[in-house]
Amino acid sequence: MEITAIVLTTFLASILTFFSGFGFGTILLPVFAIFFPVDIAIALTGLVHFAINLFKITLVGKNADRQVLMRFGLPAILASFAGAWLLLRITQMPALFEYRFVGRTLEVTPVKLVVALLLLVFSLLEVIPSVQRMQFGREKLPIGGLLSGFFGGLTGIQGAVRSAFLIRSGLSKEAYIATGVVIASLVDFTRLSVYATRFREAALHEHVALILAAVAAAMAGAVLGNRLLKRITLRFIRIIVAVMLFLVAIALGMGLI
């Protein structure tokens, strides 16, 4: 039952998030958490996320913009290390408030609320006509890299902030997707190396078959998404990004993720 649910979710999430550039882990983690303890669910999601990003590089990596990689990627890597380091030293961040929802106790922490508000602003900017024509100058990319990397290392939410900046950096749809994938892989490698001690505790060797099945499903979704890329426009991708930013912001603000 768990393999079927996880494989199907992974396949569909891989197709959807191929265009948005983020959200794969956000969709997959709650499904893993249904069948496994939270620490194992986080570890499994992290490994599948990293593996599929490496595979995406083989599909679209050649289209990555090297200048954006340097300006955005390097600050993101450094900041993700700082965020992951901080996370390991904060066993439980004090919640601003908690409440009951469908039988669950949900908590909203300060860092999740900050990220939620940031993403909400970006999502609203995407639907304002006058703002849609604006682009971030490439001199602003290091700021986006620092924000994306730090919050990615601290909370696991890094792709949404990254995409909000990259979608306005003047990239083509191919370069936008490819550059985001390369940066995501670098940030994943950095934070997973910091989390490595937790992986040993999670006994991941007991779930090799499930990991391989999920990775295979994600690869199939990525291949299909890459084939569909020629049929979509950058405008369509911007709409997906705006919707995903809004949904992630609401989920974070409510403590659902």
Protein backbone atom coordinates (compact mmCIF):
# COMPACT_ATOMS: atom_id res chain seq x y z
CA MET A 1 0.00 0.00 0.00
CA GLU A 2 2.71 2.48 0.99
CA ILE A 3 4.83 1.76 -2.10
CA THR A 4 1.86 2.31 -4.44
CA ALA A 5 0.86 5.58 -2.77
CA ILE A 6 4.42 6.92 -2.65
CA VAL A 7 5.30 5.91 -6.22
CA LEU A 8 2.12 7.44 -7.67
CA THR A 9 2.58 10.67 -5.69
CA THR A 10 6.23 10.88 -6.69
CA PHE A 11 5.43 10.45 -10.38
CA LEU A 12 2.71 13.13 -10.42
CA ALA A 13 4.73 15.53 -8.25
CA SER A 14 7.74 15.14 -10.53
CA ILE A 15 5.72 16.21 -13.58
CA LEU A 16 4.12 19.20 -11.86
CA THR A 17 7.23 20.51 -10.17
CA PHE A 18 9.41 20.05 -13.26
CA PHE A 19 7.95 23.33 -14.53
CA SER A 20 7.64 25.25 -11.26
CA GLY A 21 11.17 24.37 -10.15
CA PHE A 22 10.10 23.70 -6.56
CA GLY A 23 7.54 21.91 -4.43
CA PHE A 24 8.62 18.30 -5.00
CA GLY A 25 9.76 17.72 -1.42
CA THR A 26 6.83 19.70 -0.05
CA ILE A 27 4.39 17.35 -1.79
CA LEU A 28 6.31 14.15 -1.08
CA LEU A 29 7.17 14.64 2.60
CA PRO A 30 3.57 14.46 3.94
CA VAL A 31 3.01 11.19 2.03
CA PHE A 32 6.17 9.63 3.48
CA ALA A 33 5.12 10.91 6.91
CA ILE A 34 1.85 8.93 6.69
CA PHE A 35 3.76 5.64 6.66
CA PHE A 36 7.00 6.46 8.53
CA PRO A 37 8.18 8.43 11.59
CA VAL A 38 9.00 12.05 10.80
CA ASP A 39 12.80 11.64 10.96
CA ILE A 40 12.74 8.74 8.49
CA ALA A 41 10.24 10.60 6.27
CA ILE A 42 12.57 13.62 6.10
CA ALA A 43 15.57 11.44 5.28
CA LEU A 44 13.74 9.50 2.56
CA THR A 45 12.37 12.68 1.00
CA GLY A 46 15.81 14.29 1.03
CA LEU A 47 17.47 11.38 -0.74
CA VAL A 48 14.77 11.06 -3.41
CA HIS A 49 14.85 14.85 -3.93
CA PHE A 50 18.63 14.83 -4.42
CA ALA A 51 18.58 11.80 -6.74
CA ILE A 52 15.91 13.23 -9.03
CA ASN A 53 17.67 16.59 -9.25
CA LEU A 54 20.86 14.83 -10.37
CA PHE A 55 18.82 13.01 -13.02
CA LYS A 56 17.23 16.27 -14.19
CA ILE A 57 20.72 17.68 -14.73
CA THR A 58 21.32 14.96 -17.33
CA LEU A 59 18.11 16.05 -19.09
CA VAL A 60 18.37 19.84 -19.03
CA GLY A 61 21.64 20.79 -17.32
CA LYS A 62 23.28 22.00 -20.53
CA ASN A 63 20.84 24.95 -20.60
CA ALA A 64 21.89 26.33 -17.21
CA ASP A 65 23.03 29.95 -17.13
CA ARG A 66 26.58 29.98 -15.73
CA GLN A 67 26.48 33.62 -14.65
CA VAL A 68 23.31 33.06 -12.63
CA LEU A 69 24.80 29.87 -11.17
CA MET A 70 27.75 31.85 -9.84
CA ARG A 71 25.81 34.86 -8.59
CA PHE A 72 22.95 32.89 -7.03
CA GLY A 73 24.34 29.40 -6.45
CA LEU A 74 27.48 30.20 -4.46
CA PRO A 75 25.70 32.39 -1.86
CA ALA A 76 22.94 29.75 -1.66
CA ILE A 77 25.44 26.98 -0.87
CA LEU A 78 27.15 28.98 1.86
CA ALA A 79 23.86 30.09 3.37
CA SER A 80 22.36 26.57 3.25
CA PHE A 81 25.29 25.28 5.28
CA ALA A 82 24.64 27.99 7.86
CA GLY A 83 20.92 27.19 7.95
CA ALA A 84 21.50 23.43 8.29
CA TRP A 85 24.09 24.02 11.01
CA LEU A 86 21.61 26.17 12.91
CA LEU A 87 18.86 23.57 12.50
CA LEU A 88 20.96 20.85 14.14
CA ARG A 89 21.42 23.14 17.14
CA ILE A 90 17.76 23.97 17.51
CA THR A 91 16.03 20.75 18.43
CA GLN A 92 12.64 22.41 18.64
CA MET A 93 11.91 25.99 17.76
CA PRO A 94 9.36 27.59 20.10
CA ALA A 95 6.00 27.87 18.36
CA LEU A 96 4.20 31.18 18.11
CA PHE A 97 0.91 29.33 18.52
CA GLU A 98 -0.65 25.92 18.02
CA TYR A 99 -4.14 24.65 17.26
CA ARG A 100 -6.08 21.48 16.49
CA PHE A 101 -7.07 20.63 12.91
CA VAL A 102 -8.71 17.35 11.79
CA GLY A 103 -7.38 15.58 14.84
CA ARG A 104 -3.84 16.93 14.54
CA THR A 105 -2.01 19.52 16.64
CA LEU A 106 -0.41 22.02 14.28
CA GLU A 107 2.32 24.50 15.25
CA VAL A 108 3.39 27.73 13.57
CA THR A 109 7.02 28.61 14.31
CA PRO A 110 8.60 32.05 13.78
CA VAL A 111 10.81 30.88 10.89
CA LYS A 112 7.89 29.24 9.06
CA LEU A 113 5.80 32.38 9.43
CA VAL A 114 8.63 34.54 8.05
CA VAL A 115 9.06 32.26 5.03
CA ALA A 116 5.28 32.12 4.53
CA LEU A 117 4.96 35.91 4.46
CA LEU A 118 7.93 36.18 2.07
CA LEU A 119 6.42 33.66 -0.34
CA LEU A 120 2.99 35.26 -0.08
CA VAL A 121 4.43 38.60 -1.18
CA PHE A 122 6.17 36.96 -4.15
CA SER A 123 2.99 35.11 -5.18
CA LEU A 124 0.92 38.31 -5.06
CA LEU A 125 3.52 40.18 -7.11
CA GLU A 126 3.12 37.58 -9.85
CA VAL A 127 -0.54 38.52 -10.41
CA ILE A 128 -0.09 42.31 -10.49
CA PRO A 129 0.13 43.34 -14.20
CA SER A 130 2.55 46.22 -13.70
CA VAL A 131 4.86 44.07 -11.59
CA GLN A 132 4.79 41.15 -14.05
CA ARG A 133 6.83 43.20 -16.50
CA MET A 134 9.50 43.89 -13.89
CA GLN A 135 12.70 41.88 -13.63
CA PHE A 136 15.25 41.60 -10.85
CA GLY A 137 18.62 42.93 -11.91
CA ARG A 138 21.29 40.27 -11.73
CA GLU A 139 22.97 42.27 -9.01
CA LYS A 140 20.06 41.17 -6.77
CA LEU A 141 20.73 37.46 -7.36
CA PRO A 142 23.19 37.06 -4.44
CA ILE A 143 20.47 38.31 -2.07
CA GLY A 144 18.07 35.70 -3.44
CA GLY A 145 20.76 33.05 -3.09
CA LEU A 146 21.37 33.91 0.55
CA LEU A 147 17.65 33.83 1.39
CA SER A 148 16.98 30.64 -0.54
CA GLY A 149 19.98 28.76 0.82
CA PHE A 150 19.54 29.79 4.43
CA PHE A 151 15.84 28.96 4.64
CA GLY A 152 16.47 25.77 2.68
CA GLY A 153 19.04 24.58 5.18
CA LEU A 154 16.90 25.63 8.13
CA THR A 155 13.46 24.48 7.01
CA GLY A 156 13.90 22.47 3.79
CA ILE A 157 11.95 25.17 1.88
CA GLN A 158 14.49 26.62 -0.56
CA GLY A 159 13.09 26.12 -4.04
CA ALA A 160 10.18 28.54 -3.63
CA VAL A 161 12.38 31.52 -2.78
CA ARG A 162 14.87 30.50 -5.48
CA SER A 163 12.17 30.32 -8.15
CA ALA A 164 10.68 33.67 -7.14
CA PHE A 165 14.02 35.30 -7.96
CA LEU A 166 15.02 33.24 -11.00
CA ILE A 167 11.67 33.68 -12.77
CA ARG A 168 12.40 37.44 -12.87
CA SER A 169 16.05 37.26 -13.87
CA GLY A 170 15.43 37.36 -17.63
CA LEU A 171 16.06 33.67 -18.28
CA SER A 172 14.39 31.62 -21.01
CA LYS A 173 12.09 28.81 -19.85
CA GLU A 174 14.81 26.24 -20.61
CA ALA A 175 17.49 28.20 -18.75
CA TYR A 176 15.13 28.89 -15.83
CA ILE A 177 14.42 25.19 -15.28
CA ALA A 178 18.01 24.04 -15.87
CA THR A 179 19.60 26.69 -13.65
CA GLY A 180 17.16 25.96 -10.84
CA VAL A 181 17.89 22.23 -11.03
CA VAL A 182 21.66 22.71 -10.82
CA ILE A 183 21.37 25.10 -7.88
CA ALA A 184 18.93 22.76 -6.11
CA SER A 185 21.37 19.86 -6.49
CA LEU A 186 24.23 21.87 -5.01
CA VAL A 187 22.12 23.02 -2.06
CA ASP A 188 20.78 19.48 -1.54
CA PHE A 189 24.30 18.07 -1.42
CA THR A 190 25.36 20.70 1.11
CA ARG A 191 22.47 20.24 3.51
CA LEU A 192 22.37 16.43 3.18
CA SER A 193 26.04 16.28 4.15
CA VAL A 194 25.17 18.21 7.31
CA TYR A 195 22.17 15.96 8.01
CA ALA A 196 24.23 12.78 7.45
CA THR A 197 24.45 11.92 11.13
CA ARG A 198 20.66 11.86 11.34
CA PHE A 199 20.48 9.51 8.34
CA ARG A 200 22.42 6.82 10.18
CA GLU A 201 19.92 7.00 13.01
CA ALA A 202 17.04 6.59 10.55
CA ALA A 203 18.34 3.19 9.31
CA LEU A 204 17.78 4.01 5.66
CA HIS A 205 19.28 0.69 4.55
CA GLU A 206 15.98 -0.89 5.55
CA HIS A 207 14.13 1.11 2.86
CA VAL A 208 16.36 0.68 -0.20
CA ALA A 209 13.59 -0.87 -2.35
CA LEU A 210 11.19 1.97 -1.54
CA ILE A 211 13.82 4.62 -2.28
CA LEU A 212 14.66 3.04 -5.65
CA ALA A 213 10.98 2.75 -6.59
CA ALA A 214 10.35 6.41 -5.70
CA VAL A 215 13.43 7.57 -7.62
CA ALA A 216 12.36 5.56 -10.68
CA ALA A 217 8.88 7.11 -10.56
CA ALA A 218 10.36 10.60 -10.21
CA MET A 219 12.65 9.98 -13.19
CA ALA A 220 9.70 8.87 -15.32
CA GLY A 221 7.83 12.03 -14.35
CA ALA A 222 10.84 14.20 -15.16
CA VAL A 223 11.22 12.61 -18.61
CA LEU A 224 7.55 13.27 -19.37
CA GLY A 225 7.83 16.83 -18.06
CA ASN A 226 10.87 17.45 -20.27
CA ARG A 227 8.95 16.27 -23.33
CA LEU A 228 6.05 18.58 -22.49
CA LEU A 229 8.41 21.55 -22.06
CA LYS A 230 8.40 22.34 -25.79
CA ARG A 231 4.61 22.77 -25.73
CA ILE A 232 4.38 25.26 -22.88
CA THR A 233 5.25 28.95 -22.60
CA LEU A 234 7.16 30.96 -20.03
CA ARG A 235 3.85 32.63 -19.17
CA PHE A 236 2.42 29.22 -18.23
CA ILE A 237 5.44 28.53 -16.04
CA ARG A 238 5.02 31.91 -14.31
CA ILE A 239 1.40 31.05 -13.51
CA ILE A 240 2.45 27.69 -12.03
CA VAL A 241 5.12 29.42 -9.95
CA ALA A 242 2.62 31.99 -8.64
CA VAL A 243 0.07 29.32 -7.68
CA MET A 244 2.69 27.09 -6.04
CA LEU A 245 4.17 30.04 -4.12
CA PHE A 246 0.73 30.91 -2.79
CA LEU A 247 -0.12 27.33 -1.78
CA VAL A 248 3.22 26.75 -0.05
CA ALA A 249 2.90 30.10 1.76
CA ILE A 250 -0.58 29.22 3.08
CA ALA A 251 0.53 25.73 4.12
CA LEU A 252 3.56 27.11 5.96
CA GLY A 253 1.55 29.86 7.62
CA MET A 254 -0.98 27.30 8.86
CA GLY A 255 1.69 24.92 10.12
CA LEU A 256 0.68 22.18 7.68
CA ILE A 257 4.29 21.77 6.49
